[in-house]
């Protein structure tokens, strides 16, 4: 278990040290990302899995939304369930309703031109779901084509009450 605010601060700093070829770097996100993370929330999870999941979600938000458009990260405690919810929203191309049921399937990618223009295997969201399931968590999304997408994660929480 670990504190989410400290984890996210360290995570974003680590992104600065990654390859300049990686589209998800903290300096690229600085003007786009706004975060709301209470200081007293923690999760019971694998930090390595959560880093990979968030990195992939941020990468998707950057790649599939207009340059300069906002990306919003919001963390909340769901009371009384002692669960933490992490929402990541963008104003990107969205996910077509007819493709929604394939989002978490392996080797599946949306057929939109903006998505097909980027290299990928269609595994990141499949792996995110498997990793969250292993940690007792959950992932889902809400999306509207040409408006944007919000991916949400639920994880077991711990709190300093």
N, C-alpha and C. Protein backbone atom coordinates (compact mmCIF):
# COMPACT_ATOMS: atom_id res chain seq x y z
N UNK A 1 0.85 -1.19 0.00
CA UNK A 1 0.00 0.00 0.00
C UNK A 1 0.88 1.24 0.00
N UNK A 2 0.39 2.30 -0.64
CA UNK A 2 1.20 3.51 -0.76
C UNK A 2 0.30 4.72 -0.96
N UNK A 3 0.85 5.89 -0.64
CA UNK A 3 0.15 7.16 -0.79
C UNK A 3 0.12 7.55 -2.26
N UNK A 4 -1.06 7.89 -2.76
CA UNK A 4 -1.21 8.19 -4.19
C UNK A 4 -0.59 9.51 -4.60
N UNK A 5 -0.67 10.53 -3.76
CA UNK A 5 -0.10 11.83 -4.13
C UNK A 5 1.41 11.71 -4.32
N UNK A 6 2.09 11.10 -3.36
CA UNK A 6 3.54 10.91 -3.48
C UNK A 6 3.88 10.04 -4.69
N UNK A 7 3.12 8.98 -4.87
CA UNK A 7 3.34 8.08 -6.00
C UNK A 7 3.21 8.83 -7.33
N UNK A 8 2.16 9.63 -7.48
CA UNK A 8 1.94 10.35 -8.74
C UNK A 8 2.99 11.42 -8.98
N UNK A 9 3.42 12.10 -7.92
CA UNK A 9 4.49 13.09 -8.08
C UNK A 9 5.77 12.41 -8.58
N UNK A 10 6.13 11.28 -7.98
CA UNK A 10 7.32 10.54 -8.41
C UNK A 10 7.15 10.00 -9.82
N UNK A 11 5.98 9.50 -10.12
CA UNK A 11 5.69 8.93 -11.44
C UNK A 11 5.87 9.99 -12.53
N UNK A 12 5.32 11.18 -12.33
CA UNK A 12 5.43 12.23 -13.35
C UNK A 12 6.88 12.69 -13.50
N UNK A 13 7.62 12.69 -12.40
CA UNK A 13 9.04 13.05 -12.48
C UNK A 13 9.81 11.99 -13.28
N UNK A 14 9.48 10.72 -13.06
CA UNK A 14 10.13 9.64 -13.81
C UNK A 14 9.89 9.76 -15.31
N UNK A 15 8.71 10.23 -15.68
CA UNK A 15 8.40 10.37 -17.10
C UNK A 15 9.36 11.34 -17.79
N UNK A 16 9.87 12.32 -17.05
CA UNK A 16 10.81 13.28 -17.62
C UNK A 16 12.11 12.60 -18.04
N UNK A 17 12.46 11.50 -17.39
CA UNK A 17 13.72 10.82 -17.66
C UNK A 17 13.62 9.81 -18.79
N UNK A 18 12.42 9.61 -19.33
CA UNK A 18 12.25 8.61 -20.37
C UNK A 18 12.74 9.12 -21.72
N UNK A 19 12.83 8.23 -22.66
CA UNK A 19 13.31 8.54 -24.00
C UNK A 19 12.53 9.70 -24.61
N UNK A 20 13.22 10.60 -25.31
CA UNK A 20 12.51 11.70 -25.97
C UNK A 20 11.58 11.21 -27.07
N UNK A 21 11.74 9.96 -27.49
CA UNK A 21 10.85 9.42 -28.51
C UNK A 21 9.50 9.01 -27.93
N UNK A 22 9.45 8.86 -26.61
CA UNK A 22 8.20 8.48 -25.95
C UNK A 22 7.30 9.71 -25.87
N UNK A 23 6.09 9.64 -26.46
CA UNK A 23 5.22 10.82 -26.47
C UNK A 23 4.71 11.21 -25.10
N UNK A 24 4.81 10.32 -24.13
CA UNK A 24 4.34 10.65 -22.80
C UNK A 24 5.54 11.02 -21.94
N UNK A 25 5.87 12.28 -21.95
CA UNK A 25 6.92 12.83 -21.09
C UNK A 25 6.28 13.94 -20.27
N UNK A 26 6.74 14.09 -19.06
CA UNK A 26 6.12 15.06 -18.16
C UNK A 26 6.17 16.47 -18.74
N UNK A 27 7.27 16.83 -19.45
CA UNK A 27 7.32 18.19 -19.99
C UNK A 27 6.29 18.38 -21.10
N UNK A 28 5.95 17.34 -21.83
CA UNK A 28 4.90 17.43 -22.85
C UNK A 28 3.53 17.59 -22.21
N UNK A 29 3.37 16.99 -21.05
CA UNK A 29 2.07 17.01 -20.37
C UNK A 29 1.87 18.24 -19.50
N UNK A 30 2.95 18.93 -19.16
CA UNK A 30 2.88 20.00 -18.17
C UNK A 30 1.75 20.99 -18.45
N UNK A 31 1.61 21.43 -19.68
CA UNK A 31 0.58 22.41 -20.00
C UNK A 31 -0.80 21.79 -20.18
N UNK A 32 -0.85 20.49 -20.35
CA UNK A 32 -2.12 19.83 -20.64
C UNK A 32 -2.74 19.14 -19.44
N UNK A 33 -1.90 18.62 -18.55
CA UNK A 33 -2.40 17.79 -17.46
C UNK A 33 -2.75 18.62 -16.24
N UNK A 34 -3.97 18.45 -15.77
CA UNK A 34 -4.33 19.01 -14.48
C UNK A 34 -4.76 17.83 -13.60
N UNK A 35 -4.34 17.88 -12.36
CA UNK A 35 -4.59 16.75 -11.46
C UNK A 35 -5.22 17.22 -10.17
N UNK A 36 -6.16 16.43 -9.69
CA UNK A 36 -6.78 16.66 -8.40
C UNK A 36 -6.60 15.37 -7.60
N UNK A 37 -5.66 15.42 -6.64
CA UNK A 37 -5.30 14.23 -5.87
C UNK A 37 -5.24 14.60 -4.39
N UNK A 38 -6.20 14.15 -3.58
CA UNK A 38 -6.13 14.42 -2.15
C UNK A 38 -4.87 13.82 -1.55
N UNK A 39 -4.32 14.50 -0.56
CA UNK A 39 -3.03 14.07 0.01
C UNK A 39 -3.15 12.86 0.94
N UNK A 40 -4.36 12.53 1.38
CA UNK A 40 -4.51 11.48 2.38
C UNK A 40 -5.00 10.15 1.81
N UNK A 41 -5.02 10.00 0.49
CA UNK A 41 -5.52 8.76 -0.11
C UNK A 41 -4.39 7.84 -0.51
N UNK A 42 -4.59 6.57 -0.22
CA UNK A 42 -3.63 5.57 -0.64
C UNK A 42 -4.35 4.40 -1.27
N UNK A 43 -3.59 3.55 -1.94
CA UNK A 43 -4.17 2.36 -2.54
C UNK A 43 -3.36 1.13 -2.13
N UNK A 44 -4.04 0.00 -2.17
CA UNK A 44 -3.40 -1.28 -1.97
C UNK A 44 -3.25 -1.87 -3.37
N UNK A 45 -2.04 -1.76 -3.92
CA UNK A 45 -1.82 -2.14 -5.32
C UNK A 45 -0.34 -2.31 -5.58
N UNK A 46 -0.03 -2.84 -6.72
CA UNK A 46 1.36 -2.94 -7.17
C UNK A 46 1.76 -1.61 -7.80
N UNK A 47 2.77 -0.93 -7.25
CA UNK A 47 3.20 0.34 -7.85
C UNK A 47 3.67 0.15 -9.30
N UNK A 48 4.32 -0.96 -9.59
CA UNK A 48 4.80 -1.21 -10.96
C UNK A 48 3.64 -1.36 -11.93
N UNK A 49 2.62 -2.14 -11.55
CA UNK A 49 1.45 -2.29 -12.41
C UNK A 49 0.76 -0.95 -12.61
N UNK A 50 0.58 -0.20 -11.52
CA UNK A 50 -0.14 1.06 -11.63
C UNK A 50 0.63 2.06 -12.50
N UNK A 51 1.95 2.09 -12.40
CA UNK A 51 2.75 2.96 -13.27
C UNK A 51 2.54 2.60 -14.73
N UNK A 52 2.58 1.31 -15.03
CA UNK A 52 2.42 0.88 -16.42
C UNK A 52 1.03 1.25 -16.94
N UNK A 53 0.02 1.03 -16.13
CA UNK A 53 -1.36 1.35 -16.53
C UNK A 53 -1.50 2.84 -16.78
N UNK A 54 -1.04 3.66 -15.85
CA UNK A 54 -1.17 5.12 -16.01
C UNK A 54 -0.34 5.63 -17.18
N UNK A 55 0.85 5.08 -17.38
CA UNK A 55 1.69 5.49 -18.51
C UNK A 55 0.96 5.21 -19.83
N UNK A 56 0.37 4.03 -19.94
CA UNK A 56 -0.34 3.68 -21.17
C UNK A 56 -1.59 4.54 -21.36
N UNK A 57 -2.30 4.81 -20.27
CA UNK A 57 -3.50 5.65 -20.38
C UNK A 57 -3.12 7.08 -20.77
N UNK A 58 -2.05 7.61 -20.18
CA UNK A 58 -1.60 8.96 -20.54
C UNK A 58 -1.11 9.00 -21.99
N UNK A 59 -0.40 7.96 -22.41
CA UNK A 59 0.07 7.89 -23.79
C UNK A 59 -1.12 7.95 -24.75
N UNK A 60 -2.16 7.16 -24.46
CA UNK A 60 -3.35 7.18 -25.32
C UNK A 60 -4.00 8.55 -25.33
N UNK A 61 -4.10 9.17 -24.16
CA UNK A 61 -4.72 10.50 -24.09
C UNK A 61 -3.94 11.52 -24.91
N UNK A 62 -2.61 11.45 -24.85
CA UNK A 62 -1.77 12.38 -25.62
C UNK A 62 -1.89 12.10 -27.11
N UNK A 63 -1.79 10.84 -27.49
CA UNK A 63 -1.77 10.49 -28.92
C UNK A 63 -3.10 10.74 -29.62
N UNK A 64 -4.21 10.53 -28.91
CA UNK A 64 -5.50 10.56 -29.57
C UNK A 64 -6.36 11.76 -29.21
N UNK A 65 -5.71 12.83 -28.75
CA UNK A 65 -6.43 14.08 -28.50
C UNK A 65 -5.64 15.23 -29.13
N UNK A 66 -6.31 16.32 -29.46
CA UNK A 66 -5.62 17.44 -30.12
C UNK A 66 -4.52 18.02 -29.25
N UNK A 67 -3.44 18.41 -29.89
CA UNK A 67 -2.32 19.04 -29.19
C UNK A 67 -2.85 20.25 -28.41
N UNK A 68 -2.45 20.35 -27.15
CA UNK A 68 -2.86 21.48 -26.33
C UNK A 68 -4.18 21.30 -25.61
N UNK A 69 -4.94 20.26 -25.95
CA UNK A 69 -6.23 20.06 -25.28
C UNK A 69 -6.00 19.49 -23.88
N UNK A 70 -6.92 19.77 -22.95
CA UNK A 70 -6.70 19.35 -21.56
C UNK A 70 -6.79 17.84 -21.36
N UNK A 71 -5.98 17.37 -20.42
CA UNK A 71 -6.05 16.00 -19.92
C UNK A 71 -6.21 16.15 -18.41
N UNK A 72 -7.24 15.52 -17.87
CA UNK A 72 -7.59 15.73 -16.46
C UNK A 72 -7.49 14.40 -15.71
N UNK A 73 -6.73 14.41 -14.63
CA UNK A 73 -6.58 13.27 -13.73
C UNK A 73 -7.25 13.64 -12.41
N UNK A 74 -8.23 12.84 -12.00
CA UNK A 74 -8.95 13.12 -10.76
C UNK A 74 -8.99 11.84 -9.91
N UNK A 75 -8.63 11.98 -8.65
CA UNK A 75 -8.64 10.86 -7.72
C UNK A 75 -9.66 11.17 -6.62
N UNK A 76 -10.53 10.21 -6.33
CA UNK A 76 -11.54 10.40 -5.29
C UNK A 76 -11.67 9.14 -4.44
N UNK A 77 -12.13 9.35 -3.22
CA UNK A 77 -12.45 8.24 -2.31
C UNK A 77 -13.94 7.99 -2.41
N UNK A 78 -14.29 6.73 -2.61
CA UNK A 78 -15.70 6.36 -2.66
C UNK A 78 -16.10 5.85 -1.28
N UNK A 79 -16.96 6.62 -0.62
CA UNK A 79 -17.38 6.30 0.74
C UNK A 79 -18.75 5.65 0.66
N UNK A 80 -19.07 4.65 1.41
CA UNK A 80 -18.32 4.02 2.48
C UNK A 80 -17.53 2.79 2.03
N UNK A 81 -17.31 2.63 0.74
CA UNK A 81 -16.74 1.37 0.24
C UNK A 81 -15.24 1.23 0.42
N UNK A 82 -14.55 2.29 0.89
CA UNK A 82 -13.09 2.25 1.04
C UNK A 82 -12.39 1.86 -0.26
N UNK A 83 -12.85 2.48 -1.32
CA UNK A 83 -12.29 2.27 -2.65
C UNK A 83 -11.82 3.62 -3.17
N UNK A 84 -10.74 3.61 -3.93
CA UNK A 84 -10.23 4.82 -4.58
C UNK A 84 -10.53 4.72 -6.07
N UNK A 85 -11.04 5.81 -6.61
CA UNK A 85 -11.31 5.87 -8.05
C UNK A 85 -10.38 6.89 -8.69
N UNK A 86 -9.76 6.48 -9.79
CA UNK A 86 -8.88 7.35 -10.58
C UNK A 86 -9.52 7.52 -11.94
N UNK A 87 -9.80 8.76 -12.32
CA UNK A 87 -10.38 9.07 -13.62
C UNK A 87 -9.37 9.84 -14.45
N UNK A 88 -9.22 9.47 -15.71
CA UNK A 88 -8.36 10.18 -16.64
C UNK A 88 -9.20 10.53 -17.86
N UNK A 89 -9.39 11.84 -18.08
CA UNK A 89 -10.27 12.32 -19.15
C UNK A 89 -9.49 13.10 -20.19
N UNK A 90 -9.92 12.96 -21.44
CA UNK A 90 -9.33 13.74 -22.52
C UNK A 90 -10.45 14.24 -23.44
N UNK A 91 -10.08 15.11 -24.35
CA UNK A 91 -11.02 15.64 -25.35
C UNK A 91 -10.60 15.15 -26.73
N UNK A 92 -10.32 13.86 -26.82
CA UNK A 92 -9.80 13.28 -28.04
C UNK A 92 -10.87 12.78 -28.98
N UNK A 93 -10.45 11.85 -29.85
CA UNK A 93 -11.32 11.35 -30.90
C UNK A 93 -12.44 10.46 -30.37
N UNK A 94 -12.32 10.01 -29.13
CA UNK A 94 -13.35 9.16 -28.57
C UNK A 94 -13.31 7.75 -29.14
N UNK A 95 -14.14 6.90 -28.61
CA UNK A 95 -14.22 5.50 -29.03
C UNK A 95 -15.60 5.29 -29.65
N UNK A 96 -15.61 4.75 -30.85
CA UNK A 96 -16.88 4.48 -31.53
C UNK A 96 -17.68 3.45 -30.74
N UNK A 97 -18.99 3.68 -30.66
CA UNK A 97 -19.86 2.77 -29.91
C UNK A 97 -19.74 1.34 -30.43
N UNK A 98 -19.61 1.17 -31.74
CA UNK A 98 -19.54 -0.18 -32.30
C UNK A 98 -18.21 -0.89 -31.97
N UNK A 99 -17.23 -0.16 -31.47
CA UNK A 99 -15.94 -0.75 -31.10
C UNK A 99 -15.76 -0.86 -29.59
N UNK A 100 -16.73 -0.37 -28.84
CA UNK A 100 -16.59 -0.30 -27.37
C UNK A 100 -16.39 -1.67 -26.73
N UNK A 101 -17.05 -2.69 -27.25
CA UNK A 101 -16.94 -4.02 -26.63
C UNK A 101 -15.60 -4.69 -26.88
N UNK A 102 -14.76 -4.12 -27.75
CA UNK A 102 -13.46 -4.71 -28.07
C UNK A 102 -12.30 -3.99 -27.37
N UNK A 103 -12.59 -2.95 -26.63
CA UNK A 103 -11.53 -2.11 -26.05
C UNK A 103 -10.56 -2.90 -25.18
N UNK A 104 -11.06 -3.84 -24.40
CA UNK A 104 -10.20 -4.59 -23.48
C UNK A 104 -9.82 -5.97 -24.02
N UNK A 105 -10.12 -6.23 -25.29
CA UNK A 105 -9.75 -7.51 -25.91
C UNK A 105 -8.32 -7.42 -26.46
N UNK A 106 -7.58 -8.54 -26.44
CA UNK A 106 -6.20 -8.49 -26.94
C UNK A 106 -6.15 -8.29 -28.45
N UNK A 107 -5.14 -7.56 -28.87
CA UNK A 107 -4.84 -7.32 -30.29
C UNK A 107 -5.97 -6.60 -31.03
N UNK A 108 -6.72 -5.78 -30.31
CA UNK A 108 -7.80 -5.00 -30.92
C UNK A 108 -7.46 -3.53 -30.84
N UNK A 109 -7.61 -2.84 -31.96
CA UNK A 109 -7.39 -1.39 -32.00
C UNK A 109 -8.54 -0.76 -32.75
N UNK A 110 -8.88 0.45 -32.37
CA UNK A 110 -9.94 1.17 -33.08
C UNK A 110 -9.53 1.37 -34.53
N UNK A 111 -10.48 1.47 -35.40
CA UNK A 111 -10.23 1.61 -36.83
C UNK A 111 -10.26 3.07 -37.30
N UNK A 112 -10.26 4.00 -36.36
CA UNK A 112 -10.25 5.41 -36.74
C UNK A 112 -8.88 5.78 -37.30
N UNK A 113 -8.84 6.67 -38.29
CA UNK A 113 -7.56 7.06 -38.90
C UNK A 113 -6.54 7.57 -37.89
N UNK A 114 -6.99 8.34 -36.90
CA UNK A 114 -6.08 8.89 -35.90
C UNK A 114 -5.41 7.78 -35.09
N UNK A 115 -6.13 6.71 -34.85
CA UNK A 115 -5.58 5.58 -34.10
C UNK A 115 -4.68 4.73 -34.99
N UNK A 116 -5.13 4.46 -36.19
CA UNK A 116 -4.37 3.60 -37.10
C UNK A 116 -3.05 4.25 -37.52
N UNK A 117 -2.96 5.56 -37.43
CA UNK A 117 -1.72 6.26 -37.80
C UNK A 117 -0.60 6.01 -36.80
N UNK A 118 -0.93 5.55 -35.61
CA UNK A 118 0.06 5.29 -34.57
C UNK A 118 0.33 3.79 -34.47
N UNK A 119 1.59 3.45 -34.22
CA UNK A 119 1.97 2.05 -34.07
C UNK A 119 1.42 1.50 -32.76
N UNK A 120 0.96 0.29 -32.78
CA UNK A 120 0.52 -0.36 -31.56
C UNK A 120 0.06 -1.78 -31.84
N UNK A 121 0.04 -2.58 -30.79
CA UNK A 121 -0.39 -3.97 -30.90
C UNK A 121 -1.81 -4.19 -30.39
N UNK A 122 -2.38 -3.21 -29.71
CA UNK A 122 -3.69 -3.40 -29.13
C UNK A 122 -3.66 -4.24 -27.86
N UNK A 123 -2.60 -4.08 -27.08
CA UNK A 123 -2.47 -4.87 -25.85
C UNK A 123 -2.54 -4.05 -24.57
N UNK A 124 -2.32 -2.75 -24.63
CA UNK A 124 -2.16 -1.98 -23.39
C UNK A 124 -3.42 -2.01 -22.52
N UNK A 125 -4.59 -1.85 -23.09
CA UNK A 125 -5.80 -1.85 -22.27
C UNK A 125 -6.18 -3.27 -21.83
N UNK A 126 -5.87 -4.25 -22.66
CA UNK A 126 -6.07 -5.65 -22.27
C UNK A 126 -5.22 -5.97 -21.04
N UNK A 127 -3.94 -5.58 -21.09
CA UNK A 127 -3.04 -5.82 -19.96
C UNK A 127 -3.45 -5.01 -18.74
N UNK A 128 -3.90 -3.77 -18.95
CA UNK A 128 -4.36 -2.95 -17.83
C UNK A 128 -5.50 -3.64 -17.10
N UNK A 129 -6.45 -4.18 -17.85
CA UNK A 129 -7.58 -4.87 -17.23
C UNK A 129 -7.10 -6.10 -16.46
N UNK A 130 -6.21 -6.89 -17.06
CA UNK A 130 -5.70 -8.09 -16.38
C UNK A 130 -4.96 -7.72 -15.10
N UNK A 131 -4.14 -6.67 -15.16
CA UNK A 131 -3.38 -6.25 -13.98
C UNK A 131 -4.30 -5.70 -12.90
N UNK A 132 -5.31 -4.93 -13.28
CA UNK A 132 -6.25 -4.42 -12.29
C UNK A 132 -7.06 -5.55 -11.67
N UNK A 133 -7.48 -6.51 -12.49
CA UNK A 133 -8.19 -7.67 -11.94
C UNK A 133 -7.33 -8.38 -10.90
N UNK A 134 -6.03 -8.54 -11.19
CA UNK A 134 -5.12 -9.22 -10.28
C UNK A 134 -4.95 -8.46 -8.96
N UNK A 135 -5.14 -7.14 -9.00
CA UNK A 135 -4.99 -6.32 -7.79
C UNK A 135 -6.33 -6.09 -7.08
N UNK A 136 -7.39 -6.75 -7.54
CA UNK A 136 -8.70 -6.55 -6.94
C UNK A 136 -9.35 -5.26 -7.38
N UNK A 137 -8.93 -4.75 -8.52
CA UNK A 137 -9.47 -3.49 -9.04
C UNK A 137 -10.36 -3.71 -10.25
N UNK A 138 -10.67 -2.60 -10.89
CA UNK A 138 -11.58 -2.62 -12.03
C UNK A 138 -11.25 -1.46 -12.94
N UNK A 139 -11.49 -1.60 -14.25
CA UNK A 139 -11.33 -0.52 -15.22
C UNK A 139 -12.54 -0.50 -16.14
N UNK A 140 -12.96 0.70 -16.51
CA UNK A 140 -14.04 0.89 -17.47
C UNK A 140 -13.87 2.26 -18.10
N UNK A 141 -14.72 2.57 -19.06
CA UNK A 141 -14.62 3.87 -19.71
C UNK A 141 -15.99 4.36 -20.14
N UNK A 142 -16.05 5.67 -20.33
CA UNK A 142 -17.19 6.33 -20.97
C UNK A 142 -16.60 7.16 -22.08
N UNK A 143 -17.24 7.12 -23.26
CA UNK A 143 -16.66 7.81 -24.39
C UNK A 143 -17.75 8.27 -25.34
N UNK A 144 -17.47 9.38 -26.00
CA UNK A 144 -18.33 9.87 -27.06
C UNK A 144 -17.42 10.22 -28.23
N UNK A 145 -17.71 9.63 -29.38
CA UNK A 145 -16.88 9.87 -30.55
C UNK A 145 -16.81 11.36 -30.86
N UNK A 146 -15.61 11.83 -31.14
CA UNK A 146 -15.28 13.22 -31.47
C UNK A 146 -15.47 14.18 -30.30
N UNK A 147 -15.69 13.64 -29.08
CA UNK A 147 -15.84 14.49 -27.89
C UNK A 147 -14.76 14.17 -26.86
N UNK A 148 -14.53 12.88 -26.63
CA UNK A 148 -13.50 12.50 -25.68
C UNK A 148 -13.84 11.24 -24.91
N UNK A 149 -12.92 10.87 -24.04
CA UNK A 149 -13.04 9.62 -23.29
C UNK A 149 -12.57 9.83 -21.85
N UNK A 150 -13.24 9.16 -20.94
CA UNK A 150 -12.79 9.07 -19.55
C UNK A 150 -12.60 7.60 -19.21
N UNK A 151 -11.37 7.24 -18.86
CA UNK A 151 -11.10 5.91 -18.33
C UNK A 151 -11.08 6.03 -16.82
N UNK A 152 -11.70 5.05 -16.16
CA UNK A 152 -11.79 5.05 -14.70
C UNK A 152 -11.25 3.74 -14.15
N UNK A 153 -10.52 3.87 -13.05
CA UNK A 153 -9.98 2.72 -12.33
C UNK A 153 -10.52 2.75 -10.91
N UNK A 154 -10.83 1.59 -10.38
CA UNK A 154 -11.14 1.46 -8.96
C UNK A 154 -10.13 0.51 -8.36
N UNK A 155 -9.59 0.91 -7.21
CA UNK A 155 -8.62 0.09 -6.49
C UNK A 155 -8.96 0.08 -5.00
N UNK A 156 -8.62 -1.01 -4.30
CA UNK A 156 -8.79 -1.00 -2.85
C UNK A 156 -7.97 0.14 -2.26
N UNK A 157 -8.58 0.87 -1.34
CA UNK A 157 -7.90 2.03 -0.77
C UNK A 157 -7.50 1.83 0.68
N UNK A 158 -6.63 2.73 1.11
CA UNK A 158 -6.36 2.85 2.54
C UNK A 158 -6.27 4.34 2.82
N UNK A 159 -6.71 4.72 4.03
CA UNK A 159 -6.89 6.13 4.32
C UNK A 159 -6.38 6.46 5.70
N UNK A 160 -5.89 7.69 5.83
CA UNK A 160 -5.42 8.19 7.13
C UNK A 160 -6.55 9.02 7.74
N UNK A 161 -7.47 8.36 8.41
CA UNK A 161 -8.61 9.07 9.01
C UNK A 161 -8.31 9.49 10.43
